[in-house]
PDB file of N, CA and C in Angstrom:
ATOM      1  N   MET A   1      91.525 -11.804 103.988  1.00  0.00           N
ATOM      2  CA  MET A   1      90.148 -12.110 104.310  1.00  0.00           C
ATOM      3  C   MET A   1      89.286 -10.928 103.886  1.00  0.00           C
ATOM      4  N   SER A   2      88.220 -11.201 103.150  1.00  0.00           N
ATOM      5  CA  SER A   2      87.340 -10.119 102.706  1.00  0.00           C
ATOM      6  C   SER A   2      86.097 -10.059 103.583  1.00  0.00           C
ATOM      7  N   LEU A   3      85.565  -8.884 103.718  1.00  0.00           N
ATOM      8  CA  LEU A   3      84.349  -8.685 104.508  1.00  0.00           C
ATOM      9  C   LEU A   3      83.129  -8.931 103.631  1.00  0.00           C
ATOM     10  N   PRO A   4      82.032  -9.409 104.204  1.00  0.00           N
ATOM     11  CA  PRO A   4      80.816  -9.620 103.417  1.00  0.00           C
ATOM     12  C   PRO A   4      80.231  -8.283 102.980  1.00  0.00           C
ATOM     13  N   SER A   5      79.508  -8.296 101.870  1.00  0.00           N
ATOM     14  CA  SER A   5      78.872  -7.071 101.386  1.00  0.00           C
ATOM     15  C   SER A   5      77.703  -6.694 102.284  1.00  0.00           C
ATOM     16  N   ILE A   6      77.250  -5.460 102.156  1.00  0.00           N
ATOM     17  CA  ILE A   6      76.101  -5.004 102.949  1.00  0.00           C
ATOM     18  C   ILE A   6      74.888  -5.864 102.659  1.00  0.00           C
ATOM     19  N   ALA A   7      74.688  -6.236 101.390  1.00  0.00           N
ATOM     20  CA  ALA A   7      73.532  -7.058 101.026  1.00  0.00           C
ATOM     21  C   ALA A   7      73.578  -8.402 101.727  1.00  0.00           C
ATOM     22  N   ALA A   8      74.776  -8.948 101.932  1.00  0.00           N
ATOM     23  CA  ALA A   8      74.899 -10.240 102.602  1.00  0.00           C
ATOM     24  C   ALA A   8      74.633 -10.109 104.094  1.00  0.00           C
ATOM     25  N   VAL A   9      74.936  -8.952 104.657  1.00  0.00           N
ATOM     26  CA  VAL A   9      74.734  -8.745 106.091  1.00  0.00           C
ATOM     27  C   VAL A   9      73.272  -8.461 106.407  1.00  0.00           C
ATOM     28  N   SER A  10      72.651  -7.589 105.640  1.00  0.00           N
ATOM     29  CA  SER A  10      71.260  -7.217 105.926  1.00  0.00           C
ATOM     30  C   SER A  10      70.460  -7.171 104.624  1.00  0.00           C
ATOM     31  N   PRO A  11      70.162  -8.318 104.021  1.00  0.00           N
ATOM     32  CA  PRO A  11      69.498  -8.316 102.725  1.00  0.00           C
ATOM     33  C   PRO A  11      68.103  -7.706 102.752  1.00  0.00           C
ATOM     34  N   ARG A  12      67.396  -7.776 103.843  1.00  0.00           N
ATOM     35  CA  ARG A  12      66.035  -7.228 103.834  1.00  0.00           C
ATOM     36  C   ARG A  12      66.010  -5.704 103.936  1.00  0.00           C
ATOM     37  N   PHE A  13      67.136  -5.077 104.272  1.00  0.00           N
ATOM     38  CA  PHE A  13      67.175  -3.625 104.383  1.00  0.00           C
ATOM     39  C   PHE A  13      67.972  -2.977 103.259  1.00  0.00           C
ATOM     40  N   HIS A  14      68.382  -3.743 102.270  1.00  0.00           N
ATOM     41  CA  HIS A  14      69.182  -3.216 101.173  1.00  0.00           C
ATOM     42  C   HIS A  14      68.412  -3.426  99.884  1.00  0.00           C
ATOM     43  N   HIS A  15      68.158  -2.368  99.160  1.00  0.00           N
ATOM     44  CA  HIS A  15      67.349  -2.482  97.957  1.00  0.00           C
ATOM     45  C   HIS A  15      67.854  -1.515  96.898  1.00  0.00           C
ATOM     46  N   GLY A  16      68.291  -2.043  95.768  1.00  0.00           N
ATOM     47  CA  GLY A  16      68.679  -1.191  94.650  1.00  0.00           C
ATOM     48  C   GLY A  16      69.769  -0.187  94.982  1.00  0.00           C
ATOM     49  N   GLY A  17      70.733  -0.543  95.813  1.00  0.00           N
ATOM     50  CA  GLY A  17      71.815   0.376  96.119  1.00  0.00           C
ATOM     51  C   GLY A  17      71.501   1.340  97.252  1.00  0.00           C
ATOM     52  N   ARG A  18      70.286   1.284  97.796  1.00  0.00           N
ATOM     53  CA  ARG A  18      69.905   2.165  98.918  1.00  0.00           C
ATOM     54  C   ARG A  18      69.723   1.337 100.172  1.00  0.00           C
ATOM     55  N   HIS A  19      70.043   1.914 101.280  1.00  0.00           N
ATOM     56  CA  HIS A  19      69.797   1.257 102.559  1.00  0.00           C
ATOM     57  C   HIS A  19      68.399   1.656 103.004  1.00  0.00           C
ATOM     58  N   ILE A  20      67.578   0.680 103.279  1.00  0.00           N
ATOM     59  CA  ILE A  20      66.207   0.949 103.721  1.00  0.00           C
ATOM     60  C   ILE A  20      66.118   0.590 105.198  1.00  0.00           C
ATOM     61  N   ALA A  21      65.756   1.558 106.003  1.00  0.00           N
ATOM     62  CA  ALA A  21      65.669   1.342 107.451  1.00  0.00           C
ATOM     63  C   ALA A  21      64.449   0.488 107.777  1.00  0.00           C
ATOM     64  N   PRO A  22      64.537  -0.292 108.830  1.00  0.00           N
ATOM     65  CA  PRO A  22      63.374  -1.084 109.235  1.00  0.00           C
ATOM     66  C   PRO A  22      62.259  -0.179 109.732  1.00  0.00           C
ATOM     67  N   ARG A  23      61.035  -0.611 109.560  1.00  0.00           N
ATOM     68  CA  ARG A  23      59.892   0.171 110.051  1.00  0.00           C
ATOM     69  C   ARG A  23      59.793   0.017 111.561  1.00  0.00           C
ATOM     70  N   PHE A  24      59.267   1.023 112.197  1.00  0.00           N
ATOM     71  CA  PHE A  24      59.067   0.940 113.632  1.00  0.00           C
ATOM     72  C   PHE A  24      57.716   1.555 113.943  1.00  0.00           C
ATOM     73  N   SER A  25      57.180   1.221 115.076  1.00  0.00           N
ATOM     74  CA  SER A  25      55.914   1.802 115.495  1.00  0.00           C
ATOM     75  C   SER A  25      56.139   2.561 116.799  1.00  0.00           C
ATOM     76  N   ALA A  26      55.403   3.631 116.950  1.00  0.00           N
ATOM     77  CA  ALA A  26      55.526   4.448 118.157  1.00  0.00           C
ATOM     78  C   ALA A  26      54.768   3.773 119.296  1.00  0.00           C
ATOM     79  N   ARG A  27      55.250   3.942 120.477  1.00  0.00           N
ATOM     80  CA  ARG A  27      54.571   3.427 121.658  1.00  0.00           C
ATOM     81  C   ARG A  27      54.041   4.617 122.438  1.00  0.00           C
ATOM     82  N   TYR A  28      52.749   4.739 122.466  1.00  0.00           N
ATOM     83  CA  TYR A  28      52.128   5.849 123.168  1.00  0.00           C
ATOM     84  C   TYR A  28      51.843   5.450 124.608  1.00  0.00           C
ATOM     85  N   VAL A  29      52.107   6.397 125.518  1.00  0.00           N
ATOM     86  CA  VAL A  29      51.921   6.141 126.936  1.00  0.00           C
ATOM     87  C   VAL A  29      51.083   7.265 127.527  1.00  0.00           C
ATOM     88  N   ILE A  30      50.112   6.895 128.324  1.00  0.00           N
ATOM     89  CA  ILE A  30      49.318   7.893 129.045  1.00  0.00           C
ATOM     90  C   ILE A  30      49.913   7.980 130.446  1.00  0.00           C
ATOM     91  N   ALA A  31      50.632   9.060 130.704  1.00  0.00           N
ATOM     92  CA  ALA A  31      51.332   9.233 131.978  1.00  0.00           C
ATOM     93  C   ALA A  31      50.780  10.437 132.732  1.00  0.00           C
ATOM     94  N   ILE A  32      49.475  10.659 132.619  1.00  0.00           N
ATOM     95  CA  ILE A  32      48.820  11.722 133.382  1.00  0.00           C
ATOM     96  C   ILE A  32      47.646  11.114 134.132  1.00  0.00           C
ATOM     97  N   ALA A  33      47.216  11.808 135.171  1.00  0.00           N
ATOM     98  CA  ALA A  33      46.108  11.349 136.000  1.00  0.00           C
ATOM     99  C   ALA A  33      45.362  12.573 136.518  1.00  0.00           C
ATOM    100  N   PRO A  34      44.178  12.365 137.076  1.00  0.00           N
ATOM    101  CA  PRO A  34      43.450  13.511 137.652  1.00  0.00           C
ATOM    102  C   PRO A  34      44.257  14.280 138.701  1.00  0.00           C
ATOM    103  N   SER A  35      45.218  13.633 139.317  1.00  0.00           N
ATOM    104  CA  SER A  35      46.055  14.321 140.308  1.00  0.00           C
ATOM    105  C   SER A  35      46.970  15.369 139.660  1.00  0.00           C
ATOM    106  N   ASP A  36      47.065  15.383 138.330  1.00  0.00           N
ATOM    107  CA  ASP A  36      47.897  16.362 137.623  1.00  0.00           C
ATOM    108  C   ASP A  36      47.144  17.654 137.283  1.00  0.00           C
ATOM    109  N   ILE A  37      45.934  17.810 137.761  1.00  0.00           N
ATOM    110  CA  ILE A  37      45.178  19.044 137.525  1.00  0.00           C
ATOM    111  C   ILE A  37      45.993  20.219 138.057  1.00  0.00           C
ATOM    112  N   GLY A  38      46.106  21.268 137.238  1.00  0.00           N
ATOM    113  CA  GLY A  38      46.889  22.446 137.587  1.00  0.00           C
ATOM    114  C   GLY A  38      48.285  22.418 136.991  1.00  0.00           C
ATOM    115  N   ARG A  39      48.681  21.308 136.415  1.00  0.00           N
ATOM    116  CA  ARG A  39      50.010  21.190 135.800  1.00  0.00           C
ATOM    117  C   ARG A  39      49.886  21.317 134.284  1.00  0.00           C
ATOM    118  N   ARG A  40      51.000  21.643 133.633  1.00  0.00           N
ATOM    119  CA  ARG A  40      51.030  21.772 132.174  1.00  0.00           C
ATOM    120  C   ARG A  40      51.210  20.385 131.574  1.00  0.00           C
ATOM    121  N   VAL A  41      50.349  20.039 130.609  1.00  0.00           N
ATOM    122  CA  VAL A  41      50.370  18.717 130.008  1.00  0.00           C
ATOM    123  C   VAL A  41      50.389  18.812 128.485  1.00  0.00           C
ATOM    124  N   SER A  42      50.827  17.739 127.879  1.00  0.00           N
ATOM    125  CA  SER A  42      50.750  17.559 126.436  1.00  0.00           C
ATOM    126  C   SER A  42      49.920  16.308 126.207  1.00  0.00           C
ATOM    127  N   ILE A  43      48.859  16.439 125.422  1.00  0.00           N
ATOM    128  CA  ILE A  43      47.920  15.344 125.191  1.00  0.00           C
ATOM    129  C   ILE A  43      47.826  15.090 123.694  1.00  0.00           C
ATOM    130  N   ARG A  44      47.863  13.838 123.308  1.00  0.00           N
ATOM    131  CA  ARG A  44      47.609  13.451 121.911  1.00  0.00           C
ATOM    132  C   ARG A  44      46.275  12.719 121.884  1.00  0.00           C
ATOM    133  N   ARG A  45      45.408  13.160 120.967  1.00  0.00           N
ATOM    134  CA  ARG A  45      44.090  12.541 120.847  1.00  0.00           C
ATOM    135  C   ARG A  45      43.866  12.064 119.419  1.00  0.00           C
ATOM    136  N   ARG A  46      43.047  11.032 119.293  1.00  0.00           N
ATOM    137  CA  ARG A  46      42.697  10.515 117.978  1.00  0.00           C
ATOM    138  C   ARG A  46      41.470  11.263 117.475  1.00  0.00           C
ATOM    139  N   LEU A  47      41.541  11.733 116.232  1.00  0.00           N
ATOM    140  CA  LEU A  47      40.438  12.446 115.598  1.00  0.00           C
ATOM    141  C   LEU A  47      39.500  11.451 114.920  1.00  0.00           C
ATOM    142  N   PRO A  48      38.249  11.836 114.700  1.00  0.00           N
ATOM    143  CA  PRO A  48      37.307  10.942 114.010  1.00  0.00           C
ATOM    144  C   PRO A  48      37.797  10.515 112.622  1.00  0.00           C
ATOM    145  N   SER A  49      38.619  11.339 111.982  1.00  0.00           N
ATOM    146  CA  SER A  49      39.149  11.019 110.651  1.00  0.00           C
ATOM    147  C   SER A  49      40.235   9.949 110.707  1.00  0.00           C
ATOM    148  N   GLY A  50      40.689   9.597 111.915  1.00  0.00           N
ATOM    149  CA  GLY A  50      41.758   8.615 112.069  1.00  0.00           C
ATOM    150  C   GLY A  50      43.103   9.252 112.331  1.00  0.00           C
ATOM    151  N   GLY A  51      43.219  10.565 112.147  1.00  0.00           N
ATOM    152  CA  GLY A  51      44.469  11.275 112.407  1.00  0.00           C
ATOM    153  C   GLY A  51      44.622  11.579 113.889  1.00  0.00           C
ATOM    154  N   TYR A  52      45.641  12.358 114.193  1.00  0.00           N
ATOM    155  CA  TYR A  52      45.924  12.737 115.572  1.00  0.00           C
ATOM    156  C   TYR A  52      46.006  14.249 115.697  1.00  0.00           C
ATOM    157  N   SER A  53      45.757  14.743 116.910  1.00  0.00           N
ATOM    158  CA  SER A  53      45.876  16.162 117.206  1.00  0.00           C
ATOM    159  C   SER A  53      46.470  16.293 118.604  1.00  0.00           C
ATOM    160  N   ASP A  54      47.333  17.275 118.782  1.00  0.00           N
ATOM    161  CA  ASP A  54      47.955  17.504 120.081  1.00  0.00           C
ATOM    162  C   ASP A  54      47.348  18.732 120.748  1.00  0.00           C
ATOM    163  N   VAL A  55      47.214  18.653 122.060  1.00  0.00           N
ATOM    164  CA  VAL A  55      46.742  19.769 122.872  1.00  0.00           C
ATOM    165  C   VAL A  55      47.770  19.973 123.978  1.00  0.00           C
ATOM    166  N   VAL A  56      48.272  21.199 124.111  1.00  0.00           N
ATOM    167  CA  VAL A  56      49.243  21.515 125.156  1.00  0.00           C
ATOM    168  C   VAL A  56      48.687  22.675 125.972  1.00  0.00           C
ATOM    169  N   GLY A  57      48.716  22.525 127.279  1.00  0.00           N
ATOM    170  CA  GLY A  57      48.235  23.587 128.157  1.00  0.00           C
ATOM    171  C   GLY A  57      48.065  23.070 129.571  1.00  0.00           C
ATOM    172  N   GLU A  58      47.423  23.890 130.406  1.00  0.00           N
ATOM    173  CA  GLU A  58      47.207  23.529 131.801  1.00  0.00           C
ATOM    174  C   GLU A  58      45.967  22.659 131.929  1.00  0.00           C
ATOM    175  N   LEU A  59      46.132  21.503 132.572  1.00  0.00           N
ATOM    176  CA  LEU A  59      45.005  20.604 132.810  1.00  0.00           C
ATOM    177  C   LEU A  59      44.103  21.249 133.855  1.00  0.00           C
ATOM    178  N   GLN A  60      42.916  21.651 133.426  1.00  0.00           N
ATOM    179  CA  GLN A  60      41.983  22.365 134.307  1.00  0.00           C
ATOM    180  C   GLN A  60      41.033  21.422 135.032  1.00  0.00           C
ATOM    181  N   GLY A  61      40.667  20.326 134.387  1.00  0.00           N
ATOM    182  CA  GLY A  61      39.727  19.409 135.018  1.00  0.00           C
ATOM    183  C   GLY A  61      39.728  18.052 134.353  1.00  0.00           C
ATOM    184  N   TRP A  62      39.245  17.069 135.107  1.00  0.00           N
ATOM    185  CA  TRP A  62      39.137  15.701 134.594  1.00  0.00           C
ATOM    186  C   TRP A  62      37.946  15.077 135.309  1.00  0.00           C
ATOM    187  N   ALA A  63      36.780  15.134 134.681  1.00  0.00           N
ATOM    188  CA  ALA A  63      35.562  14.621 135.301  1.00  0.00           C
ATOM    189  C   ALA A  63      34.620  14.079 134.237  1.00  0.00           C
ATOM    190  N   ASP A  64      33.864  13.085 134.613  1.00  0.00           N
ATOM    191  CA  ASP A  64      32.851  12.484 133.730  1.00  0.00           C
ATOM    192  C   ASP A  64      33.439  12.055 132.391  1.00  0.00           C
ATOM    193  N   GLY A  65      34.664  11.544 132.406  1.00  0.00           N
ATOM    194  CA  GLY A  65      35.283  11.045 131.188  1.00  0.00           C
ATOM    195  C   GLY A  65      35.767  12.116 130.229  1.00  0.00           C
ATOM    196  N   ARG A  66      35.924  13.362 130.700  1.00  0.00           N
ATOM    197  CA  ARG A  66      36.388  14.462 129.846  1.00  0.00           C
ATOM    198  C   ARG A  66      37.513  15.221 130.535  1.00  0.00           C
ATOM    199  N   LEU A  67      38.541  15.531 129.757  1.00  0.00           N
ATOM    200  CA  LEU A  67      39.657  16.341 130.240  1.00  0.00           C
ATOM    201  C   LEU A  67      39.478  17.749 129.688  1.00  0.00           C
ATOM    202  N   THR A  68      39.747  18.735 130.503  1.00  0.00           N
ATOM    203  CA  THR A  68      39.660  20.127 130.081  1.00  0.00           C
ATOM    204  C   THR A  68      41.056  20.737 130.190  1.00  0.00           C
ATOM    205  N   VAL A  69      41.528  21.311 129.070  1.00  0.00           N
ATOM    206  CA  VAL A  69      42.868  21.881 129.013  1.00  0.00           C
ATOM    207  C   VAL A  69      42.787  23.325 128.544  1.00  0.00           C
ATOM    208  N   ARG A  70      43.395  24.253 129.326  1.00  0.00           N
ATOM    209  CA  ARG A  70      43.442  25.661 128.937  1.00  0.00           C
ATOM    210  C   ARG A  70      44.768  25.916 128.236  1.00  0.00           C
ATOM    211  N   ARG A  71      44.665  26.328 126.967  1.00  0.00           N
ATOM    212  CA  ARG A  71      45.853  26.594 126.157  1.00  0.00           C
ATOM    213  C   ARG A  71      46.467  27.936 126.530  1.00  0.00           C
ATOM    214  N   ARG A  72      47.665  28.186 125.998  1.00  0.00           N
ATOM    215  CA  ARG A  72      48.392  29.427 126.278  1.00  0.00           C
ATOM    216  C   ARG A  72      47.585  30.662 125.872  1.00  0.00           C
ATOM    217  N   ASP A  73      46.834  30.556 124.759  1.00  0.00           N
ATOM    218  CA  ASP A  73      46.056  31.705 124.275  1.00  0.00           C
ATOM    219  C   ASP A  73      44.757  31.916 125.045  1.00  0.00           C
ATOM    220  N   GLY A  74      44.478  31.070 126.040  1.00  0.00           N
ATOM    221  CA  GLY A  74      43.285  31.219 126.862  1.00  0.00           C
ATOM    222  C   GLY A  74      42.114  30.368 126.403  1.00  0.00           C
ATOM    223  N   SER A  75      42.185  29.782 125.219  1.00  0.00           N
ATOM    224  CA  SER A  75      41.088  28.930 124.744  1.00  0.00           C
ATOM    225  C   SER A  75      41.094  27.624 125.536  1.00  0.00           C
ATOM    226  N   VAL A  76      39.932  26.994 125.591  1.00  0.00           N
ATOM    227  CA  VAL A  76      39.775  25.759 126.344  1.00  0.00           C
ATOM    228  C   VAL A  76      39.473  24.618 125.378  1.00  0.00           C
ATOM    229  N   ALA A  77      40.176  23.518 125.534  1.00  0.00           N
ATOM    230  CA  ALA A  77      39.936  22.324 124.717  1.00  0.00           C
ATOM    231  C   ALA A  77      39.429  21.219 125.633  1.00  0.00           C
ATOM    232  N   GLU A  78      38.400  20.516 125.166  1.00  0.00           N
ATOM    233  CA  GLU A  78      37.900  19.363 125.903  1.00  0.00           C
ATOM    234  C   GLU A  78      38.240  18.108 125.120  1.00  0.00           C
ATOM    235  N   VAL A  79      38.744  17.114 125.822  1.00  0.00           N
ATOM    236  CA  VAL A  79      39.151  15.858 125.197  1.00  0.00           C
ATOM    237  C   VAL A  79      38.467  14.728 125.950  1.00  0.00           C
ATOM    238  N   ALA A  80      37.755  13.873 125.221  1.00  0.00           N
ATOM    239  CA  ALA A  80      37.132  12.705 125.843  1.00  0.00           C
ATOM    240  C   ALA A  80      38.203  11.674 126.165  1.00  0.00           C
ATOM    241  N   GLU A  81      38.067  10.996 127.285  1.00  0.00           N
ATOM    242  CA  GLU A  81      39.027   9.960 127.660  1.00  0.00           C
ATOM    243  C   GLU A  81      39.145   8.902 126.566  1.00  0.00           C
ATOM    244  N   ALA A  82      38.055   8.609 125.890  1.00  0.00           N
ATOM    245  CA  ALA A  82      38.064   7.593 124.831  1.00  0.00           C
ATOM    246  C   ALA A  82      38.943   8.002 123.654  1.00  0.00           C
ATOM    247  N   GLU A  83      39.149   9.310 123.455  1.00  0.00           N
ATOM    248  CA  GLU A  83      39.985   9.813 122.357  1.00  0.00           C
ATOM    249  C   GLU A  83      41.458   9.897 122.751  1.00  0.00           C
ATOM    250  N   LEU A  84      41.757   9.786 124.032  1.00  0.00           N
ATOM    251  CA  LEU A  84      43.112   9.968 124.557  1.00  0.00           C
ATOM    252  C   LEU A  84      44.021   8.830 124.100  1.00  0.00           C
ATOM    253  N   VAL A  85      45.125   9.197 123.450  1.00  0.00           N
ATOM    254  CA  VAL A  85      46.102   8.230 122.966  1.00  0.00           C
ATOM    255  C   VAL A  85      47.368   8.288 123.811  1.00  0.00           C
ATOM    256  N   ALA A  86      47.801   9.491 124.167  1.00  0.00           N
ATOM    257  CA  ALA A  86      49.012   9.668 124.965  1.00  0.00           C
ATOM    258  C   ALA A  86      48.895  10.954 125.756  1.00  0.00           C
ATOM    259  N   GLY A  87      49.635  11.031 126.845  1.00  0.00           N
ATOM    260  CA  GLY A  87      49.635  12.244 127.645  1.00  0.00           C
ATOM    261  C   GLY A  87      50.780  12.231 128.629  1.00  0.00           C
ATOM    262  N   LYS A  88      51.336  13.414 128.860  1.00  0.00           N
ATOM    263  CA  LYS A  88      52.426  13.528 129.835  1.00  0.00           C
ATOM    264  C   LYS A  88      52.466  14.935 130.390  1.00  0.00           C
ATOM    265  N   VAL A  89      53.076  15.067 131.557  1.00  0.00           N
ATOM    266  CA  VAL A  89      53.315  16.375 132.162  1.00  0.00           C
ATOM    267  C   VAL A  89      54.562  16.941 131.490  1.00  0.00           C
ATOM    268  N   VAL A  90      54.503  18.225 131.125  1.00  0.00           N
ATOM    269  CA  VAL A  90      55.631  18.881 130.453  1.00  0.00           C
ATOM    270  C   VAL A  90      56.043  20.122 131.242  1.00  0.00           C
ATOM    271  N   PRO A  91      57.284  20.579 131.065  1.00  0.00           N
ATOM    272  CA  PRO A  91      57.747  21.767 131.795  1.00  0.00           C
ATOM    273  C   PRO A  91      57.050  23.027 131.299  1.00  0.00           C
ATOM    274  N   PRO A  92      57.129  24.096 132.085  1.00  0.00           N
ATOM    275  CA  PRO A  92      56.524  25.361 131.655  1.00  0.00           C
ATOM    276  C   PRO A  92      57.144  25.840 130.349  1.00  0.00           C
ATOM    277  N   PRO A  93      56.399  26.638 129.589  1.00  0.00           N
ATOM    278  CA  PRO A  93      56.961  27.140 128.329  1.00  0.00           C
ATOM    279  C   PRO A  93      58.124  28.085 128.607  1.00  0.00           C
ATOM    280  N   PRO A  94      59.037  28.207 127.657  1.00  0.00           N
ATOM    281  CA  PRO A  94      60.146  29.158 127.847  1.00  0.00           C
ATOM    282  C   PRO A  94      59.601  30.572 127.844  1.00  0.00           C
ATOM    283  N   PRO A  95      60.314  31.501 128.482  1.00  0.00           N
ATOM    284  CA  PRO A  95      59.828  32.894 128.479  1.00  0.00           C
ATOM    285  C   PRO A  95      59.827  33.448 127.054  1.00  0.00           C
ATOM    286  N   ARG A  96      58.865  34.300 126.802  1.00  0.00           N
ATOM    287  CA  ARG A  96      58.775  34.914 125.477  1.00  0.00           C
ATOM    288  C   ARG A  96      59.910  35.896 125.281  1.00  0.00           C
ATOM    289  N   ARG A  97      60.401  35.934 124.050  1.00  0.00           N
ATOM    290  CA  ARG A  97      61.463  36.895 123.727  1.00  0.00           C
ATOM    291  C   ARG A  97      60.885  38.283 123.567  1.00  0.00           C
ATOM    292  N   PRO A  98      61.636  39.298 123.921  1.00  0.00           N
ATOM    293  CA  PRO A  98      61.144  40.663 123.719  1.00  0.00           C
ATOM    294  C   PRO A  98      61.023  40.949 122.209  1.00  0.00           C
ATOM    295  N   ALA A  99      60.084  41.795 121.874  1.00  0.00           N
ATOM    296  CA  ALA A  99      59.873  42.159 120.477  1.00  0.00           C
ATOM    297  C   ALA A  99      61.077  42.927 119.936  1.00  0.00           C
ATOM    298  N   ARG A 100      61.406  42.658 118.700  1.00  0.00           N
ATOM    299  CA  ARG A 100      62.503  43.398 118.068  1.00  0.00           C
ATOM    300  C   ARG A 100      62.059  44.797 117.720  1.00  0.00           C
ATOM    301  N   SER A 101      62.974  45.730 117.801  1.00  0.00           N
ATOM    302  CA  SER A 101      62.607  47.111 117.502  1.00  0.00           C
ATOM    303  C   SER A 101      62.773  47.447 116.045  1.00  0.00           C
TER     304      SER A 101
END
């Protein structure tokens, strides 16, 4: 008994001798709330150009439709709720390594 060829098993994913993986789409989830103020968060926002940008830091405030996040370097980023695509609470950053001598 012979086994079927790869093309016979999955013809839509086999092209010219290469296996082509099916496309998938990411599922973004907003898993943060105003009650997470003071915690470290990772936020993905949509840019006016259609791209995305990530902001990671401590959630400082969430009022009047704007989130305020303080980054590790001390800068503050404001993100409008309308731009928010995904968000989650993340663990603290790992400790910094000592400088090499």
